[in-house]
Amino acid sequence: MAQISLPYKLNDGTVAKASHVMANFNAIVNVVNGNLDSGNLKSISGSDVTVNDLNGGTTTLNNFIRRFQAGRVSFENVPSNEYMSKNVKFPRSFPGEPYIVLGLRTGTPDVVHVGYSDVSRSGFKLHVKNDYANTRTIEVSWIAVYVG
């Protein structure tokens, strides 16, 4: 953990004032209870923090967050009874092929269909089909999770 500045130095063999002990204690409590900032954590990075990984082991925070990415794709003016596809590129490549989860906000889910294909470390192909009677804009949210 980063250094915490204590207001009083307590020495062996001397009488400690309760107010000095409490001031030192409160300095620690204030940092631990929400006053952590770049001044007292500047030397800690995501590679210093260990977290449980998805396989029951541990990894660093930097490696763990590289396993999740999300985004949204808009398909404008999709004609009735038509398919459209778009390539989705991940902001950063995964260590391996991720799982893809798609979300679609619609009041009538049986008239808009979404799917994907060609998943790789760097992206996937997203497909939509509009079964509405008229042209629509379709918004698809996605999340990619690498478990390996």
C-alpha atoms as a PDB file:
ATOM      1  CA  MET A   1       0.000   0.000   0.000  1.00  0.00           C
ATOM      2  CA  ALA A   2       1.145   3.571  -0.594  1.00  0.00           C
ATOM      3  CA  GLN A   3       2.583   5.695   2.180  1.00  0.00           C
ATOM      4  CA  ILE A   4       0.176   7.367   4.620  1.00  0.00           C
ATOM      5  CA  SER A   5       1.469  10.492   6.329  1.00  0.00           C
ATOM      6  CA  LEU A   6       0.881  10.416  10.078  1.00  0.00           C
ATOM      7  CA  PRO A   7       0.728  13.721  11.952  1.00  0.00           C
ATOM      8  CA  TYR A   8       2.642  12.460  15.025  1.00  0.00           C
ATOM      9  CA  LYS A   9       5.712  10.253  15.488  1.00  0.00           C
ATOM     10  CA  LEU A  10       5.365   7.974  18.498  1.00  0.00           C
ATOM     11  CA  ASN A  11       8.613   6.782  20.103  1.00  0.00           C
ATOM     12  CA  ASP A  12       9.390   3.746  22.276  1.00  0.00           C
ATOM     13  CA  GLY A  13       9.847   4.530  25.936  1.00  0.00           C
ATOM     14  CA  THR A  14       7.850   7.752  25.905  1.00  0.00           C
ATOM     15  CA  VAL A  15       4.317   8.437  27.047  1.00  0.00           C
ATOM     16  CA  ALA A  16       1.938   8.746  24.100  1.00  0.00           C
ATOM     17  CA  LYS A  17      -0.819  11.299  24.295  1.00  0.00           C
ATOM     18  CA  ALA A  18      -4.220   9.865  23.463  1.00  0.00           C
ATOM     19  CA  SER A  19      -4.883  12.819  21.161  1.00  0.00           C
ATOM     20  CA  HIS A  20      -1.713  11.986  19.154  1.00  0.00           C
ATOM     21  CA  VAL A  21      -2.581   8.292  18.943  1.00  0.00           C
ATOM     22  CA  MET A  22      -6.120   9.150  17.801  1.00  0.00           C
ATOM     23  CA  ALA A  23      -4.834  11.696  15.275  1.00  0.00           C
ATOM     24  CA  ASN A  24      -2.574   9.018  13.727  1.00  0.00           C
ATOM     25  CA  PHE A  25      -5.405   6.476  13.786  1.00  0.00           C
ATOM     26  CA  ASN A  26      -7.832   8.933  12.159  1.00  0.00           C
ATOM     27  CA  ALA A  27      -5.270   9.735   9.449  1.00  0.00           C
ATOM     28  CA  ILE A  28      -5.234   6.038   8.529  1.00  0.00           C
ATOM     29  CA  VAL A  29      -9.027   5.681   8.756  1.00  0.00           C
ATOM     30  CA  ASN A  30      -9.578   8.741   6.538  1.00  0.00           C
ATOM     31  CA  VAL A  31      -7.406   7.291   3.778  1.00  0.00           C
ATOM     32  CA  VAL A  32      -8.859   3.790   3.978  1.00  0.00           C
ATOM     33  CA  ASN A  33     -12.473   5.024   4.173  1.00  0.00           C
ATOM     34  CA  GLY A  34     -12.614   6.871   0.897  1.00  0.00           C
ATOM     35  CA  ASN A  35      -9.840   9.417   0.787  1.00  0.00           C
ATOM     36  CA  LEU A  36      -7.653   7.348  -1.486  1.00  0.00           C
ATOM     37  CA  ASP A  37      -6.415   9.504  -4.342  1.00  0.00           C
ATOM     38  CA  SER A  38      -3.555   9.774  -6.807  1.00  0.00           C
ATOM     39  CA  GLY A  39      -1.360  11.326  -4.107  1.00  0.00           C
ATOM     40  CA  ASN A  40      -1.464   8.281  -1.856  1.00  0.00           C
ATOM     41  CA  LEU A  41      -1.988   5.610  -4.519  1.00  0.00           C
ATOM     42  CA  LYS A  42       0.126   6.952  -7.372  1.00  0.00           C
ATOM     43  CA  SER A  43       2.479   3.982  -7.355  1.00  0.00           C
ATOM     44  CA  ILE A  44      -0.280   1.339  -7.585  1.00  0.00           C
ATOM     45  CA  SER A  45      -1.384   0.126 -10.998  1.00  0.00           C
ATOM     46  CA  GLY A  46      -3.728  -2.584 -12.233  1.00  0.00           C
ATOM     47  CA  SER A  47      -0.781  -4.973 -12.407  1.00  0.00           C
ATOM     48  CA  ASP A  48      -0.370  -4.605  -8.601  1.00  0.00           C
ATOM     49  CA  VAL A  49      -3.933  -5.705  -7.798  1.00  0.00           C
ATOM     50  CA  THR A  50      -4.719  -9.438  -7.732  1.00  0.00           C
ATOM     51  CA  VAL A  51      -8.292 -10.609  -8.446  1.00  0.00           C
ATOM     52  CA  ASN A  52      -9.995 -13.979  -8.877  1.00  0.00           C
ATOM     53  CA  ASP A  53     -10.187 -14.983 -12.507  1.00  0.00           C
ATOM     54  CA  LEU A  54     -13.021 -16.764 -14.299  1.00  0.00           C
ATOM     55  CA  ASN A  55     -11.383 -20.195 -13.950  1.00  0.00           C
ATOM     56  CA  GLY A  56     -10.981 -20.268 -10.150  1.00  0.00           C
ATOM     57  CA  GLY A  57      -7.406 -18.964 -10.140  1.00  0.00           C
ATOM     58  CA  THR A  58      -6.059 -15.448  -9.811  1.00  0.00           C
ATOM     59  CA  THR A  59      -4.831 -12.827 -12.231  1.00  0.00           C
ATOM     60  CA  THR A  60      -3.949  -9.150 -12.137  1.00  0.00           C
ATOM     61  CA  LEU A  61      -6.611  -6.493 -12.582  1.00  0.00           C
ATOM     62  CA  ASN A  62      -4.993  -5.404 -15.859  1.00  0.00           C
ATOM     63  CA  ASN A  63      -5.360  -8.920 -17.299  1.00  0.00           C
ATOM     64  CA  PHE A  64      -8.879  -9.380 -15.892  1.00  0.00           C
ATOM     65  CA  ILE A  65     -10.374  -6.229 -17.440  1.00  0.00           C
ATOM     66  CA  ARG A  66      -8.922  -7.159 -20.832  1.00  0.00           C
ATOM     67  CA  ARG A  67     -11.403 -10.050 -20.818  1.00  0.00           C
ATOM     68  CA  PHE A  68     -14.533  -7.853 -21.135  1.00  0.00           C
ATOM     69  CA  GLN A  69     -15.588  -5.452 -23.876  1.00  0.00           C
ATOM     70  CA  ALA A  70     -18.949  -4.036 -24.874  1.00  0.00           C
ATOM     71  CA  GLY A  71     -20.483  -1.808 -27.499  1.00  0.00           C
ATOM     72  CA  ARG A  72     -23.559  -0.832 -29.468  1.00  0.00           C
ATOM     73  CA  VAL A  73     -24.191  -1.018 -33.204  1.00  0.00           C
ATOM     74  CA  SER A  74     -26.907   0.875 -35.037  1.00  0.00           C
ATOM     75  CA  PHE A  75     -28.432  -0.404 -38.273  1.00  0.00           C
ATOM     76  CA  GLU A  76     -30.164   2.542 -39.950  1.00  0.00           C
ATOM     77  CA  ASN A  77     -33.125   2.110 -42.305  1.00  0.00           C
ATOM     78  CA  VAL A  78     -33.365  -1.671 -42.392  1.00  0.00           C
ATOM     79  CA  PRO A  79     -36.076  -2.470 -44.973  1.00  0.00           C
ATOM     80  CA  SER A  80     -38.952  -4.787 -44.131  1.00  0.00           C
ATOM     81  CA  ASN A  81     -38.107  -8.504 -44.504  1.00  0.00           C
ATOM     82  CA  GLU A  82     -34.437  -7.732 -45.137  1.00  0.00           C
ATOM     83  CA  TYR A  83     -31.147  -8.828 -43.566  1.00  0.00           C
ATOM     84  CA  MET A  84     -28.225  -6.497 -42.887  1.00  0.00           C
ATOM     85  CA  SER A  85     -24.753  -7.275 -41.543  1.00  0.00           C
ATOM     86  CA  LYS A  86     -21.894  -5.236 -40.126  1.00  0.00           C
ATOM     87  CA  ASN A  87     -18.391  -6.127 -39.041  1.00  0.00           C
ATOM     88  CA  VAL A  88     -17.718  -5.246 -35.403  1.00  0.00           C
ATOM     89  CA  LYS A  89     -14.095  -4.614 -34.447  1.00  0.00           C
ATOM     90  CA  PHE A  90     -13.171  -4.876 -30.777  1.00  0.00           C
ATOM     91  CA  PRO A  91     -11.420  -1.804 -29.363  1.00  0.00           C
ATOM     92  CA  ARG A  92      -8.531  -4.131 -28.402  1.00  0.00           C
ATOM     93  CA  SER A  93      -7.853  -7.754 -29.319  1.00  0.00           C
ATOM     94  CA  PHE A  94      -8.667 -10.519 -26.856  1.00  0.00           C
ATOM     95  CA  PRO A  95      -6.104 -13.169 -25.857  1.00  0.00           C
ATOM     96  CA  GLY A  96      -8.348 -15.719 -27.618  1.00  0.00           C
ATOM     97  CA  GLU A  97     -11.851 -16.083 -29.069  1.00  0.00           C
ATOM     98  CA  PRO A  98     -14.498 -14.540 -26.752  1.00  0.00           C
ATOM     99  CA  TYR A  99     -18.128 -15.433 -26.151  1.00  0.00           C
ATOM    100  CA  ILE A 100     -20.616 -12.902 -27.553  1.00  0.00           C
ATOM    101  CA  VAL A 101     -23.891 -11.886 -25.895  1.00  0.00           C
ATOM    102  CA  LEU A 102     -26.360  -9.713 -27.820  1.00  0.00           C
ATOM    103  CA  GLY A 103     -29.077  -7.452 -26.494  1.00  0.00           C
ATOM    104  CA  LEU A 104     -31.959  -5.861 -28.336  1.00  0.00           C
ATOM    105  CA  ARG A 105     -34.456  -3.409 -26.888  1.00  0.00           C
ATOM    106  CA  THR A 106     -37.824  -3.808 -28.578  1.00  0.00           C
ATOM    107  CA  GLY A 107     -41.442  -4.149 -27.540  1.00  0.00           C
ATOM    108  CA  THR A 108     -41.988  -6.884 -30.080  1.00  0.00           C
ATOM    109  CA  PRO A 109     -38.988  -9.246 -30.058  1.00  0.00           C
ATOM    110  CA  ASP A 110     -40.537 -11.661 -32.539  1.00  0.00           C
ATOM    111  CA  VAL A 111     -40.168  -9.194 -35.430  1.00  0.00           C
ATOM    112  CA  VAL A 112     -36.471  -8.319 -35.112  1.00  0.00           C
ATOM    113  CA  HIS A 113     -33.850 -11.046 -35.237  1.00  0.00           C
ATOM    114  CA  VAL A 114     -30.163 -10.714 -34.360  1.00  0.00           C
ATOM    115  CA  GLY A 115     -27.249 -13.080 -34.603  1.00  0.00           C
ATOM    116  CA  TYR A 116     -23.504 -13.195 -35.146  1.00  0.00           C
ATOM    117  CA  SER A 117     -20.852 -15.177 -36.967  1.00  0.00           C
ATOM    118  CA  ASP A 118     -17.116 -15.197 -37.677  1.00  0.00           C
ATOM    119  CA  VAL A 119     -15.967 -14.524 -34.104  1.00  0.00           C
ATOM    120  CA  SER A 120     -12.233 -13.912 -33.723  1.00  0.00           C
ATOM    121  CA  ARG A 121      -9.870 -12.285 -31.240  1.00  0.00           C
ATOM    122  CA  SER A 122     -10.370  -8.954 -33.011  1.00  0.00           C
ATOM    123  CA  GLY A 123     -14.104  -8.879 -33.836  1.00  0.00           C
ATOM    124  CA  PHE A 124     -17.196 -10.572 -35.209  1.00  0.00           C
ATOM    125  CA  LYS A 125     -19.914 -10.155 -37.838  1.00  0.00           C
ATOM    126  CA  LEU A 126     -23.304  -8.937 -36.557  1.00  0.00           C
ATOM    127  CA  HIS A 127     -26.536  -9.722 -38.436  1.00  0.00           C
ATOM    128  CA  VAL A 128     -30.069  -8.325 -38.109  1.00  0.00           C
ATOM    129  CA  LYS A 129     -33.348  -9.061 -39.844  1.00  0.00           C
ATOM    130  CA  ASN A 130     -36.346  -6.745 -39.800  1.00  0.00           C
ATOM    131  CA  ASP A 131     -39.740  -8.484 -39.942  1.00  0.00           C
ATOM    132  CA  TYR A 132     -41.674  -5.264 -39.237  1.00  0.00           C
ATOM    133  CA  ALA A 133     -43.993  -4.081 -41.990  1.00  0.00           C
ATOM    134  CA  ASN A 134     -41.918  -0.941 -42.489  1.00  0.00           C
ATOM    135  CA  THR A 135     -38.302   0.256 -42.525  1.00  0.00           C
ATOM    136  CA  ARG A 136     -36.715   0.473 -39.047  1.00  0.00           C
ATOM    137  CA  THR A 137     -33.559   1.484 -37.233  1.00  0.00           C
ATOM    138  CA  ILE A 138     -32.284  -1.403 -35.129  1.00  0.00           C
ATOM    139  CA  GLU A 139     -29.923  -0.877 -32.171  1.00  0.00           C
ATOM    140  CA  VAL A 140     -27.991  -3.913 -30.939  1.00  0.00           C
ATOM    141  CA  SER A 141     -25.894  -3.917 -27.768  1.00  0.00           C
ATOM    142  CA  TRP A 142     -23.170  -6.517 -27.371  1.00  0.00           C
ATOM    143  CA  ILE A 143     -20.772  -7.746 -24.727  1.00  0.00           C
ATOM    144  CA  ALA A 144     -17.783  -9.979 -25.405  1.00  0.00           C
ATOM    145  CA  VAL A 145     -16.227 -12.096 -22.652  1.00  0.00           C
ATOM    146  CA  TYR A 146     -13.024 -14.086 -22.936  1.00  0.00           C
ATOM    147  CA  VAL A 147     -12.933 -16.983 -20.457  1.00  0.00           C
ATOM    148  CA  GLY A 148      -9.737 -18.832 -21.486  1.00  0.00           C
END
